[in-house]
């Protein structure tokens, strides 16, 4: 699989709206952000392998049981598949920040695992997200951090302190256009 193009994409705040309580634990809370379907479709058609990389605090605990996560995630996957879009892999960290795990972004374990799975040179992989931790995870593996101003993106931009090589876009559609224009 060497030489393939990989794209790491955060879910909440990048592909779907991020609810105020931080959990998409029902279908009622699942809302795609504008322009996501055409952006993902064009990226996939251009040969990008789409890899979803997302922190999901407390997944599998009584406050966020697996079925509460699976129902909206399966619906999202089915909705995108109905438009011809499929993720090549999905990585989710179920841990809370205090757990100190290696997979929770900004830690790099999910990105490293994806890189191993696809035999990817992570230095050439764009990583799109809306939070500082997405950008820091990209920087930790030498990937290319791309900030979208959806979700927590505006707050991330205001707070600064993100990697110097971060490229900033209004949303995933603009990030996709830039990636496709650079091909």
Foldseek 3Di string as FASTA:
>chain_A
DEPFAEEEEEPDQAQFDQDPVRAQQALVRTGGDPPNLVLQVVCVVVGYAYEYAYEAEQECHPVRDVNSRVVNVVVVQVVSVVSVGHHPYYHYHHHDPVVPDQRPFVRQPVVVVVCVVVVYQQLDYEFEDQALRSQSNSVVSNHQYEHECTHNNVVRVVVDPHDPRYHYDPGSNRVSVVVVVVD
